Structures are given as C-alpha cells and as structure tokens.
Amino acid sequence: MTGNHADELTPWIPLFAALTPDSAYLNIPCCLHDLSGRFLPQTYTIPPEYLDSLPLPTSSLSSSALAIDTHPLLYPFYHPTPSSINDKSRYTSYQLFLAHLSLMCGFLPEREALRIPSTKNYGLVGRRRLWDDDGEGKEEGEKKVRREVERLLEEVEKKGGSEGWKARVPEGKAGEH
C-alpha cells in the first residue's frame, strides 16, 4: 500500500496494511492528521512502557553506526537523521505518532529520506513485522494486531466516528470550482 500526500488517510495506511495479509506500506506524510481530525500536539512521545512490552525482532537492529540512545525498535526510524531524536518540531512529532501507529499495527517503523524537492521529504515504511519472519509468533502477532486495530477503531468511534468527521474545504485551484 502506498500513501503519497494522502492527507486525512495518512494515519489509516498502517491500519489498512495491518488488516491486509502479507502486505507492507510506504507512507509519505504531508498534512498532519490523526485518526479523527487534525494532529495538534507540538510534541509526541511513545510511552517507554509500551515499547518495552513489544517483542524485539530477531533481525539485527544495530545502533552502533547511529550513536543514539533510544529504544531498539526505533533505530530504523531514526536511522536517516539521528539528530532528529532531539528535534521538537511538530512534523517530527507527527512522524513519531505515525511510528507509534505502525508499532500498534505490528510493523517495525522505518523512515527513509527521499530525494524529492519538498520540505516533507521522508517516507515512513512498514515492510517488516515485529514477529519472526519464519512464522514463529505470526499467528499470535496477527491476533494481537487485530485486537489493537479494533481498539483504535472503537476510540475513533467514541470521538464521533464518521459522524464527527467533516470534509475539509479544498485549497488552491481545487477550491475554485
């Protein structure tokens, strides 16, 4: 699955991929939205106790070249720019929010620097699962992810679900029609 400047759908891409067997995703976020509206926090932190509750993939997650002090599951996320570990921009916070969603959906969040002429030139990639590639723990992992996605959907429903969602007014030339 791919989301390029998908606006309101951006945070939903990992959920769609999680519910699609043997899939992966590439998400190029631009506009900041959460699952039920605008993403507003200036800073975002994935709770350390949540990270510690997740299994570490058997594939190597080396931080030696990065020289950063963070949870091993976030090494692939911080790999392109280790300096962003201290970045407090809203866009970096949004990317970390999307990385958290990726983890909830059973994906190891990766961030890839893109060579495109944009200030939003990072792609978030979910291609590896948190469970072993050889299938060990796969069934249990998929069940856990399904429960987590159902919990997220219930949370969105409590906030008003589709009833509370309003289409935004198109910007630029699209709004002139």
C-alpha atoms as a PDB file:
ATOM      1  CA  MET A   1       0.000   0.000   0.000  1.00  0.00           C
ATOM      2  CA  THR A   2       1.181   3.493  -0.715  1.00  0.00           C
ATOM      3  CA  GLY A   3       0.066   6.845   0.597  1.00  0.00           C
ATOM      4  CA  ASN A   4       1.627   9.900  -1.030  1.00  0.00           C
ATOM      5  CA  HIS A   5       0.272  13.165   0.386  1.00  0.00           C
ATOM      6  CA  ALA A   6      -2.823  11.226   1.435  1.00  0.00           C
ATOM      7  CA  ASP A   7      -3.929  13.941   3.900  1.00  0.00           C
ATOM      8  CA  GLU A   8      -6.652  12.535   6.210  1.00  0.00           C
ATOM      9  CA  LEU A   9      -5.897   8.962   5.074  1.00  0.00           C
ATOM     10  CA  THR A  10      -2.213   9.114   6.072  1.00  0.00           C
ATOM     11  CA  PRO A  11      -2.638   7.639   9.584  1.00  0.00           C
ATOM     12  CA  TRP A  12      -5.020   4.992   8.249  1.00  0.00           C
ATOM     13  CA  ILE A  13      -2.456   3.469   5.842  1.00  0.00           C
ATOM     14  CA  PRO A  14      -0.721   1.343   8.549  1.00  0.00           C
ATOM     15  CA  LEU A  15      -4.135   0.133   9.770  1.00  0.00           C
ATOM     16  CA  PHE A  16      -5.189  -0.888   6.251  1.00  0.00           C
ATOM     17  CA  ALA A  17      -1.876  -2.679   5.737  1.00  0.00           C
ATOM     18  CA  ALA A  18      -2.189  -4.422   9.109  1.00  0.00           C
ATOM     19  CA  LEU A  19      -5.573  -5.828   8.128  1.00  0.00           C
ATOM     20  CA  THR A  20      -4.342  -6.987   4.716  1.00  0.00           C
ATOM     21  CA  PRO A  21      -2.474 -10.317   4.883  1.00  0.00           C
ATOM     22  CA  ASP A  22       1.204 -10.273   3.893  1.00  0.00           C
ATOM     23  CA  SER A  23       1.233  -6.588   2.998  1.00  0.00           C
ATOM     24  CA  ALA A  24       3.576  -3.681   3.602  1.00  0.00           C
ATOM     25  CA  TYR A  25       3.288   0.052   3.100  1.00  0.00           C
ATOM     26  CA  LEU A  26       5.068   3.261   2.156  1.00  0.00           C
ATOM     27  CA  ASN A  27       3.598   6.460   3.512  1.00  0.00           C
ATOM     28  CA  ILE A  28       4.802   9.935   2.522  1.00  0.00           C
ATOM     29  CA  PRO A  29       3.070  12.182   5.050  1.00  0.00           C
ATOM     30  CA  CYS A  30       2.460  15.829   4.336  1.00  0.00           C
ATOM     31  CA  CYS A  31      -0.579  17.321   6.067  1.00  0.00           C
ATOM     32  CA  LEU A  32      -0.867  16.448   9.753  1.00  0.00           C
ATOM     33  CA  HIS A  33      -3.955  14.399  10.653  1.00  0.00           C
ATOM     34  CA  ASP A  34      -4.662  11.787  13.284  1.00  0.00           C
ATOM     35  CA  LEU A  35      -7.360   9.127  13.007  1.00  0.00           C
ATOM     36  CA  SER A  36     -10.226  11.542  13.692  1.00  0.00           C
ATOM     37  CA  GLY A  37      -9.076  15.045  12.784  1.00  0.00           C
ATOM     38  CA  ARG A  38      -6.084  17.351  12.780  1.00  0.00           C
ATOM     39  CA  PHE A  39      -2.911  16.280  14.593  1.00  0.00           C
ATOM     40  CA  LEU A  40      -2.353  19.101  17.068  1.00  0.00           C
ATOM     41  CA  PRO A  41       0.371  18.117  19.593  1.00  0.00           C
ATOM     42  CA  GLN A  42       3.614  20.067  19.345  1.00  0.00           C
ATOM     43  CA  THR A  43       5.472  17.116  20.888  1.00  0.00           C
ATOM     44  CA  TYR A  44       4.771  13.406  20.925  1.00  0.00           C
ATOM     45  CA  THR A  45       6.320  10.570  22.880  1.00  0.00           C
ATOM     46  CA  ILE A  46       5.764   6.849  22.532  1.00  0.00           C
ATOM     47  CA  PRO A  47       5.366   5.592  26.113  1.00  0.00           C
ATOM     48  CA  PRO A  48       8.535   3.664  27.094  1.00  0.00           C
ATOM     49  CA  GLU A  49       6.441   1.021  28.874  1.00  0.00           C
ATOM     50  CA  TYR A  50       4.587   0.392  25.597  1.00  0.00           C
ATOM     51  CA  LEU A  51       7.869  -0.027  23.713  1.00  0.00           C
ATOM     52  CA  ASP A  52       9.185  -2.372  26.411  1.00  0.00           C
ATOM     53  CA  SER A  53       6.056  -4.533  26.086  1.00  0.00           C
ATOM     54  CA  LEU A  54       6.793  -5.301  22.408  1.00  0.00           C
ATOM     55  CA  PRO A  55       8.956  -8.160  21.161  1.00  0.00           C
ATOM     56  CA  LEU A  56      12.268  -7.333  19.544  1.00  0.00           C
ATOM     57  CA  PRO A  57      12.560  -8.765  16.014  1.00  0.00           C
ATOM     58  CA  THR A  58      15.216 -11.430  15.566  1.00  0.00           C
ATOM     59  CA  SER A  59      16.762  -9.459  12.694  1.00  0.00           C
ATOM     60  CA  SER A  60      19.598  -7.252  13.862  1.00  0.00           C
ATOM     61  CA  LEU A  61      18.738  -3.741  14.929  1.00  0.00           C
ATOM     62  CA  SER A  62      22.134  -2.151  15.276  1.00  0.00           C
ATOM     63  CA  SER A  63      22.588   1.323  16.695  1.00  0.00           C
ATOM     64  CA  SER A  64      26.391   1.284  16.524  1.00  0.00           C
ATOM     65  CA  ALA A  65      26.547   3.493  13.438  1.00  0.00           C
ATOM     66  CA  LEU A  66      23.872   5.804  14.816  1.00  0.00           C
ATOM     67  CA  ALA A  67      25.346   6.555  18.244  1.00  0.00           C
ATOM     68  CA  ILE A  68      21.884   7.300  19.611  1.00  0.00           C
ATOM     69  CA  ASP A  69      20.278   6.380  22.878  1.00  0.00           C
ATOM     70  CA  THR A  70      16.770   5.183  22.092  1.00  0.00           C
ATOM     71  CA  HIS A  71      14.706   2.017  22.131  1.00  0.00           C
ATOM     72  CA  PRO A  72      15.988  -0.614  19.640  1.00  0.00           C
ATOM     73  CA  LEU A  73      12.606  -0.716  17.860  1.00  0.00           C
ATOM     74  CA  LEU A  74      13.130   2.920  16.880  1.00  0.00           C
ATOM     75  CA  TYR A  75      16.639   2.536  15.391  1.00  0.00           C
ATOM     76  CA  PRO A  76      15.252   2.124  11.831  1.00  0.00           C
ATOM     77  CA  PHE A  77      13.043   5.181  12.406  1.00  0.00           C
ATOM     78  CA  TYR A  78      15.920   7.443  13.463  1.00  0.00           C
ATOM     79  CA  HIS A  79      18.452   5.977  11.017  1.00  0.00           C
ATOM     80  CA  PRO A  80      18.246   8.635   8.249  1.00  0.00           C
ATOM     81  CA  THR A  81      18.744  11.518  10.695  1.00  0.00           C
ATOM     82  CA  PRO A  82      19.845  10.585  14.217  1.00  0.00           C
ATOM     83  CA  SER A  83      19.863  14.289  15.087  1.00  0.00           C
ATOM     84  CA  SER A  84      16.054  14.296  14.817  1.00  0.00           C
ATOM     85  CA  ILE A  85      15.899  12.338  18.084  1.00  0.00           C
ATOM     86  CA  ASN A  86      16.079  15.740  19.800  1.00  0.00           C
ATOM     87  CA  ASP A  87      14.043  17.593  17.173  1.00  0.00           C
ATOM     88  CA  LYS A  88      10.896  19.046  18.729  1.00  0.00           C
ATOM     89  CA  SER A  89       9.186  20.170  15.526  1.00  0.00           C
ATOM     90  CA  ARG A  90       5.527  19.372  15.020  1.00  0.00           C
ATOM     91  CA  TYR A  91       6.312  17.447  11.814  1.00  0.00           C
ATOM     92  CA  THR A  92       8.854  15.214  13.593  1.00  0.00           C
ATOM     93  CA  SER A  93       6.294  14.680  16.375  1.00  0.00           C
ATOM     94  CA  TYR A  94       3.780  13.684  13.714  1.00  0.00           C
ATOM     95  CA  GLN A  95       6.205  11.190  12.213  1.00  0.00           C
ATOM     96  CA  LEU A  96       6.754   9.710  15.680  1.00  0.00           C
ATOM     97  CA  PHE A  97       2.964   9.466  16.108  1.00  0.00           C
ATOM     98  CA  LEU A  98       2.830   7.549  12.801  1.00  0.00           C
ATOM     99  CA  ALA A  99       5.705   5.324  14.000  1.00  0.00           C
ATOM    100  CA  HIS A 100       3.650   4.568  17.122  1.00  0.00           C
ATOM    101  CA  LEU A 101       0.672   3.641  14.936  1.00  0.00           C
ATOM    102  CA  SER A 102       2.991   1.386  12.909  1.00  0.00           C
ATOM    103  CA  LEU A 103       4.083  -0.421  16.060  1.00  0.00           C
ATOM    104  CA  MET A 104       0.444  -0.827  17.150  1.00  0.00           C
ATOM    105  CA  CYS A 105      -0.218  -2.353  13.730  1.00  0.00           C
ATOM    106  CA  GLY A 106       2.653  -4.834  14.113  1.00  0.00           C
ATOM    107  CA  PHE A 107       5.156  -3.108  11.813  1.00  0.00           C
ATOM    108  CA  LEU A 108       8.734  -2.137  12.603  1.00  0.00           C
ATOM    109  CA  PRO A 109       8.655   1.591  11.724  1.00  0.00           C
ATOM    110  CA  GLU A 110      11.343   2.737   9.317  1.00  0.00           C
ATOM    111  CA  ARG A 111      11.925   6.208   7.971  1.00  0.00           C
ATOM    112  CA  GLU A 112      13.554   6.782   4.623  1.00  0.00           C
ATOM    113  CA  ALA A 113      14.999  10.088   3.463  1.00  0.00           C
ATOM    114  CA  LEU A 114      13.639  10.833  -0.008  1.00  0.00           C
ATOM    115  CA  ARG A 115      15.306  12.813  -2.750  1.00  0.00           C
ATOM    116  CA  ILE A 116      12.326  14.913  -3.676  1.00  0.00           C
ATOM    117  CA  PRO A 117      12.032  18.701  -3.774  1.00  0.00           C
ATOM    118  CA  SER A 118       9.908  19.111  -0.668  1.00  0.00           C
ATOM    119  CA  THR A 119      10.238  20.105   2.964  1.00  0.00           C
ATOM    120  CA  LYS A 120       8.330  16.912   3.763  1.00  0.00           C
ATOM    121  CA  ASN A 121      10.877  14.556   2.240  1.00  0.00           C
ATOM    122  CA  TYR A 122      10.623  11.471   4.430  1.00  0.00           C
ATOM    123  CA  GLY A 123       8.819   8.249   3.699  1.00  0.00           C
ATOM    124  CA  LEU A 124       7.600   6.041   6.511  1.00  0.00           C
ATOM    125  CA  VAL A 125       7.958   2.381   5.655  1.00  0.00           C
ATOM    126  CA  GLY A 126       6.325  -0.656   7.200  1.00  0.00           C
ATOM    127  CA  ARG A 127       7.857  -3.686   5.500  1.00  0.00           C
ATOM    128  CA  ARG A 128       8.978  -5.842   8.419  1.00  0.00           C
ATOM    129  CA  ARG A 129       6.716  -7.238  11.099  1.00  0.00           C
ATOM    130  CA  LEU A 130       7.511  -7.355  14.786  1.00  0.00           C
ATOM    131  CA  TRP A 131       7.202 -11.126  14.802  1.00  0.00           C
ATOM    132  CA  ASP A 132       9.712 -13.520  13.299  1.00  0.00           C
ATOM    133  CA  ASP A 133       9.891 -13.741   9.515  1.00  0.00           C
ATOM    134  CA  ASP A 134       9.971 -17.544   9.729  1.00  0.00           C
ATOM    135  CA  GLY A 135       6.394 -17.524  11.014  1.00  0.00           C
ATOM    136  CA  GLU A 136       7.166 -18.072  14.701  1.00  0.00           C
ATOM    137  CA  GLY A 137       4.753 -15.899  16.629  1.00  0.00           C
ATOM    138  CA  LYS A 138       2.984 -14.783  13.443  1.00  0.00           C
ATOM    139  CA  GLU A 139      -0.472 -16.088  14.346  1.00  0.00           C
ATOM    140  CA  GLU A 140      -0.322 -14.628  17.856  1.00  0.00           C
ATOM    141  CA  GLY A 141       1.065 -11.346  16.484  1.00  0.00           C
ATOM    142  CA  GLU A 142      -1.703 -11.033  13.911  1.00  0.00           C
ATOM    143  CA  LYS A 143      -4.368 -11.653  16.579  1.00  0.00           C
ATOM    144  CA  LYS A 144      -2.821  -9.004  18.825  1.00  0.00           C
ATOM    145  CA  VAL A 145      -2.703  -6.505  15.950  1.00  0.00           C
ATOM    146  CA  ARG A 146      -6.332  -7.179  15.028  1.00  0.00           C
ATOM    147  CA  ARG A 147      -7.363  -6.504  18.653  1.00  0.00           C
ATOM    148  CA  GLU A 148      -5.276  -3.302  18.672  1.00  0.00           C
ATOM    149  CA  VAL A 149      -6.814  -2.064  15.405  1.00  0.00           C
ATOM    150  CA  GLU A 150     -10.310  -2.834  16.755  1.00  0.00           C
ATOM    151  CA  ARG A 151      -9.447  -0.839  19.901  1.00  0.00           C
ATOM    152  CA  LEU A 152      -8.267   2.100  17.751  1.00  0.00           C
ATOM    153  CA  LEU A 153     -11.485   1.973  15.719  1.00  0.00           C
ATOM    154  CA  GLU A 154     -13.561   1.986  18.929  1.00  0.00           C
ATOM    155  CA  GLU A 155     -11.571   5.016  20.106  1.00  0.00           C
ATOM    156  CA  VAL A 156     -12.313   6.833  16.836  1.00  0.00           C
ATOM    157  CA  GLU A 157     -15.991   5.923  17.176  1.00  0.00           C
ATOM    158  CA  LYS A 158     -16.075   7.405  20.697  1.00  0.00           C
ATOM    159  CA  LYS A 159     -14.738  10.678  19.260  1.00  0.00           C
ATOM    160  CA  GLY A 160     -17.644  10.830  16.849  1.00  0.00           C
ATOM    161  CA  GLY A 161     -16.510   8.393  14.160  1.00  0.00           C
ATOM    162  CA  SER A 162     -17.646   9.239  10.663  1.00  0.00           C
ATOM    163  CA  GLU A 163     -20.492  11.292  12.170  1.00  0.00           C
ATOM    164  CA  GLY A 164     -17.952  13.746  13.619  1.00  0.00           C
ATOM    165  CA  TRP A 165     -15.797  13.851  10.503  1.00  0.00           C
ATOM    166  CA  LYS A 166     -16.184  16.837   8.199  1.00  0.00           C
ATOM    167  CA  ALA A 167     -14.637  17.093   4.743  1.00  0.00           C
ATOM    168  CA  ARG A 168     -12.216  19.984   4.560  1.00  0.00           C
ATOM    169  CA  VAL A 169     -12.632  22.741   2.013  1.00  0.00           C
ATOM    170  CA  PRO A 170     -10.249  22.140  -0.921  1.00  0.00           C
ATOM    171  CA  GLU A 171      -7.367  24.553  -1.161  1.00  0.00           C
ATOM    172  CA  GLY A 172      -5.940  26.385  -4.168  1.00  0.00           C
ATOM    173  CA  LYS A 173      -7.409  25.812  -7.625  1.00  0.00           C
ATOM    174  CA  ALA A 174      -9.386  22.805  -6.368  1.00  0.00           C
ATOM    175  CA  GLY A 175     -11.445  25.141  -4.160  1.00  0.00           C
ATOM    176  CA  GLU A 176     -12.345  27.449  -7.036  1.00  0.00           C
ATOM    177  CA  HIS A 177     -14.875  25.061  -8.603  1.00  0.00           C
END
